[in-house]
């Protein structure tokens, strides 16, 4: 492998060396997590997220919107990942999931993950921690 080779998508370009460094650094965000779903609009962001999961020794569950809502909802309900990595806010974010009920709705170009537990519902873009 040539570390100067590049991976690109649209206008984004990153060298293999930069990608490895990025994945190892982003892996720190995943410490202590066991299973993380990955649902990104960008295929490059999804691949980068998978590499970060591998670097963190975390089980990665790649989910494509092309699967269709029913299919990927079944995957998420069966595997019950506690976290999801998404780029629907313009940058990669790791978001906590509560998997009792998972619904997906399309709004503009991004999919929002709605999570409902026994008493309340919260949107995945809620930043209250």
C-alpha atoms as a PDB file:
ATOM      1  CA  UNK A   1       0.000   0.000   0.000  1.00  0.00           C
ATOM      2  CA  UNK A   2       1.267   3.421  -0.928  1.00  0.00           C
ATOM      3  CA  UNK A   3       0.460   5.856   1.919  1.00  0.00           C
ATOM      4  CA  UNK A   4       0.208   8.687  -0.611  1.00  0.00           C
ATOM      5  CA  UNK A   5      -2.568   6.967  -2.581  1.00  0.00           C
ATOM      6  CA  UNK A   6      -5.896   8.681  -2.141  1.00  0.00           C
ATOM      7  CA  UNK A   7      -9.540   7.945  -1.493  1.00  0.00           C
ATOM      8  CA  UNK A   8     -12.003  10.468  -2.871  1.00  0.00           C
ATOM      9  CA  UNK A   9     -15.680  11.278  -3.108  1.00  0.00           C
ATOM     10  CA  UNK A  10     -16.907  14.358  -4.922  1.00  0.00           C
ATOM     11  CA  UNK A  11     -14.533  17.147  -3.807  1.00  0.00           C
ATOM     12  CA  UNK A  12     -13.268  15.339  -0.694  1.00  0.00           C
ATOM     13  CA  UNK A  13      -9.849  13.690  -0.975  1.00  0.00           C
ATOM     14  CA  UNK A  14      -7.815  11.975   1.737  1.00  0.00           C
ATOM     15  CA  UNK A  15      -4.577   9.974   1.532  1.00  0.00           C
ATOM     16  CA  UNK A  16      -4.370   6.460   2.957  1.00  0.00           C
ATOM     17  CA  UNK A  17      -1.950   7.747   5.572  1.00  0.00           C
ATOM     18  CA  UNK A  18      -4.332  10.545   6.620  1.00  0.00           C
ATOM     19  CA  UNK A  19      -7.206   8.043   6.669  1.00  0.00           C
ATOM     20  CA  UNK A  20      -5.361   5.706   9.050  1.00  0.00           C
ATOM     21  CA  UNK A  21      -4.436   8.602  11.339  1.00  0.00           C
ATOM     22  CA  UNK A  22      -8.031   9.884  11.271  1.00  0.00           C
ATOM     23  CA  UNK A  23      -9.479   6.411  12.005  1.00  0.00           C
ATOM     24  CA  UNK A  24      -7.130   5.861  14.942  1.00  0.00           C
ATOM     25  CA  UNK A  25      -8.030   9.274  16.394  1.00  0.00           C
ATOM     26  CA  UNK A  26     -11.790   8.867  15.844  1.00  0.00           C
ATOM     27  CA  UNK A  27     -11.579   5.426  17.459  1.00  0.00           C
ATOM     28  CA  UNK A  28     -11.082   7.263  20.765  1.00  0.00           C
ATOM     29  CA  UNK A  29     -14.714   8.456  20.458  1.00  0.00           C
ATOM     30  CA  UNK A  30     -15.788   4.808  20.411  1.00  0.00           C
ATOM     31  CA  UNK A  31     -13.943   3.558  23.488  1.00  0.00           C
ATOM     32  CA  UNK A  32     -16.245   1.535  25.731  1.00  0.00           C
ATOM     33  CA  UNK A  33     -18.858   0.963  23.039  1.00  0.00           C
ATOM     34  CA  UNK A  34     -19.591  -2.593  21.911  1.00  0.00           C
ATOM     35  CA  UNK A  35     -21.827  -2.275  18.855  1.00  0.00           C
ATOM     36  CA  UNK A  36     -22.215   0.805  16.643  1.00  0.00           C
ATOM     37  CA  UNK A  37     -24.534   1.228  13.662  1.00  0.00           C
ATOM     38  CA  UNK A  38     -23.225   3.338  10.791  1.00  0.00           C
ATOM     39  CA  UNK A  39     -25.692   5.219   8.611  1.00  0.00           C
ATOM     40  CA  UNK A  40     -24.121   7.916   6.469  1.00  0.00           C
ATOM     41  CA  UNK A  41     -25.184   9.805   3.363  1.00  0.00           C
ATOM     42  CA  UNK A  42     -21.545   9.788   2.238  1.00  0.00           C
ATOM     43  CA  UNK A  43     -20.094   6.403   1.318  1.00  0.00           C
ATOM     44  CA  UNK A  44     -16.624   7.763   2.135  1.00  0.00           C
ATOM     45  CA  UNK A  45     -17.803   8.813   5.622  1.00  0.00           C
ATOM     46  CA  UNK A  46     -19.323   5.358   6.129  1.00  0.00           C
ATOM     47  CA  UNK A  47     -16.045   3.680   5.144  1.00  0.00           C
ATOM     48  CA  UNK A  48     -14.073   5.999   7.425  1.00  0.00           C
ATOM     49  CA  UNK A  49     -16.459   5.202  10.283  1.00  0.00           C
ATOM     50  CA  UNK A  50     -16.012   1.469   9.714  1.00  0.00           C
ATOM     51  CA  UNK A  51     -12.236   1.848   9.873  1.00  0.00           C
ATOM     52  CA  UNK A  52     -12.585   3.762  13.150  1.00  0.00           C
ATOM     53  CA  UNK A  53     -14.733   0.932  14.539  1.00  0.00           C
ATOM     54  CA  UNK A  54     -12.107  -1.610  13.500  1.00  0.00           C
ATOM     55  CA  UNK A  55      -9.392   0.502  15.148  1.00  0.00           C
ATOM     56  CA  UNK A  56     -11.469   0.674  18.357  1.00  0.00           C
ATOM     57  CA  UNK A  57     -12.286  -3.063  18.269  1.00  0.00           C
ATOM     58  CA  UNK A  58     -16.002  -2.201  18.103  1.00  0.00           C
ATOM     59  CA  UNK A  59     -18.587  -4.183  16.155  1.00  0.00           C
ATOM     60  CA  UNK A  60     -19.649  -2.077  13.162  1.00  0.00           C
ATOM     61  CA  UNK A  61     -23.147  -2.471  11.709  1.00  0.00           C
ATOM     62  CA  UNK A  62     -23.229  -0.686   8.348  1.00  0.00           C
ATOM     63  CA  UNK A  63     -26.759   0.348   7.402  1.00  0.00           C
ATOM     64  CA  UNK A  64     -27.607   1.650   3.953  1.00  0.00           C
ATOM     65  CA  UNK A  65     -30.707   3.721   3.293  1.00  0.00           C
ATOM     66  CA  UNK A  66     -30.886   1.783   0.033  1.00  0.00           C
ATOM     67  CA  UNK A  67     -31.951  -1.254   2.087  1.00  0.00           C
ATOM     68  CA  UNK A  68     -35.281   0.451   2.652  1.00  0.00           C
ATOM     69  CA  UNK A  69     -36.791   1.513   5.956  1.00  0.00           C
ATOM     70  CA  UNK A  70     -38.373  -1.848   6.822  1.00  0.00           C
ATOM     71  CA  UNK A  71     -35.181  -3.814   6.185  1.00  0.00           C
ATOM     72  CA  UNK A  72     -32.743  -1.629   8.096  1.00  0.00           C
ATOM     73  CA  UNK A  73     -35.214  -1.129  10.936  1.00  0.00           C
ATOM     74  CA  UNK A  74     -35.376  -4.924  11.340  1.00  0.00           C
ATOM     75  CA  UNK A  75     -31.553  -5.068  11.375  1.00  0.00           C
ATOM     76  CA  UNK A  76     -31.341  -2.401  14.066  1.00  0.00           C
ATOM     77  CA  UNK A  77     -34.070  -3.978  16.190  1.00  0.00           C
ATOM     78  CA  UNK A  78     -32.418  -7.384  16.007  1.00  0.00           C
ATOM     79  CA  UNK A  79     -28.828  -6.250  16.694  1.00  0.00           C
ATOM     80  CA  UNK A  80     -29.778  -3.453  19.132  1.00  0.00           C
ATOM     81  CA  UNK A  81     -26.719  -1.233  18.724  1.00  0.00           C
ATOM     82  CA  UNK A  82     -26.495   1.320  21.508  1.00  0.00           C
ATOM     83  CA  UNK A  83     -24.878   3.936  19.249  1.00  0.00           C
ATOM     84  CA  UNK A  84     -25.071   5.171  15.671  1.00  0.00           C
ATOM     85  CA  UNK A  85     -22.521   7.108  13.641  1.00  0.00           C
ATOM     86  CA  UNK A  86     -24.135   9.435  11.124  1.00  0.00           C
ATOM     87  CA  UNK A  87     -23.146  12.354   8.929  1.00  0.00           C
ATOM     88  CA  UNK A  88     -26.658  13.740   8.556  1.00  0.00           C
ATOM     89  CA  UNK A  89     -25.660  16.889  10.454  1.00  0.00           C
ATOM     90  CA  UNK A  90     -22.800  17.725   8.081  1.00  0.00           C
ATOM     91  CA  UNK A  91     -20.092  16.008  10.106  1.00  0.00           C
ATOM     92  CA  UNK A  92     -19.715  12.601  11.680  1.00  0.00           C
ATOM     93  CA  UNK A  93     -21.406  12.268  15.059  1.00  0.00           C
ATOM     94  CA  UNK A  94     -21.740   9.371  17.465  1.00  0.00           C
ATOM     95  CA  UNK A  95     -25.279   9.368  18.855  1.00  0.00           C
ATOM     96  CA  UNK A  96     -26.753   7.242  21.648  1.00  0.00           C
ATOM     97  CA  UNK A  97     -29.727   5.057  20.686  1.00  0.00           C
ATOM     98  CA  UNK A  98     -32.422   3.543  22.844  1.00  0.00           C
ATOM     99  CA  UNK A  99     -33.643   0.623  20.798  1.00  0.00           C
ATOM    100  CA  UNK A 100     -37.048  -0.235  22.226  1.00  0.00           C
ATOM    101  CA  UNK A 101     -38.633   1.400  19.178  1.00  0.00           C
ATOM    102  CA  UNK A 102     -36.755   2.787  16.201  1.00  0.00           C
ATOM    103  CA  UNK A 103     -38.468   4.693  13.423  1.00  0.00           C
ATOM    104  CA  UNK A 104     -36.913   6.536  10.509  1.00  0.00           C
ATOM    105  CA  UNK A 105     -38.392   9.549   8.771  1.00  0.00           C
ATOM    106  CA  UNK A 106     -37.012  11.412   5.813  1.00  0.00           C
ATOM    107  CA  UNK A 107     -36.771  15.184   6.174  1.00  0.00           C
ATOM    108  CA  UNK A 108     -34.931  17.182   3.507  1.00  0.00           C
ATOM    109  CA  UNK A 109     -31.886  15.153   2.480  1.00  0.00           C
ATOM    110  CA  UNK A 110     -31.127  13.647   5.875  1.00  0.00           C
ATOM    111  CA  UNK A 111     -32.777  10.818   7.740  1.00  0.00           C
ATOM    112  CA  UNK A 112     -33.566  11.445  11.361  1.00  0.00           C
ATOM    113  CA  UNK A 113     -33.592   8.649  13.853  1.00  0.00           C
ATOM    114  CA  UNK A 114     -36.492   8.753  16.259  1.00  0.00           C
ATOM    115  CA  UNK A 115     -36.189   6.765  19.423  1.00  0.00           C
ATOM    116  CA  UNK A 116     -39.039   6.094  21.825  1.00  0.00           C
ATOM    117  CA  UNK A 117     -38.675   4.477  25.212  1.00  0.00           C
ATOM    118  CA  UNK A 118     -41.458   3.680  27.670  1.00  0.00           C
ATOM    119  CA  UNK A 119     -42.285   7.287  28.629  1.00  0.00           C
ATOM    120  CA  UNK A 120     -40.748   9.682  26.133  1.00  0.00           C
ATOM    121  CA  UNK A 121     -39.511  10.181  22.617  1.00  0.00           C
ATOM    122  CA  UNK A 122     -36.374  12.003  21.677  1.00  0.00           C
ATOM    123  CA  UNK A 123     -34.863  12.875  18.339  1.00  0.00           C
ATOM    124  CA  UNK A 124     -31.316  11.764  17.697  1.00  0.00           C
ATOM    125  CA  UNK A 125     -30.249  15.332  17.026  1.00  0.00           C
ATOM    126  CA  UNK A 126     -31.101  16.264  20.617  1.00  0.00           C
ATOM    127  CA  UNK A 127     -27.792  17.389  22.124  1.00  0.00           C
ATOM    128  CA  UNK A 128     -28.843  17.389  25.765  1.00  0.00           C
ATOM    129  CA  UNK A 129     -26.572  14.402  26.507  1.00  0.00           C
END
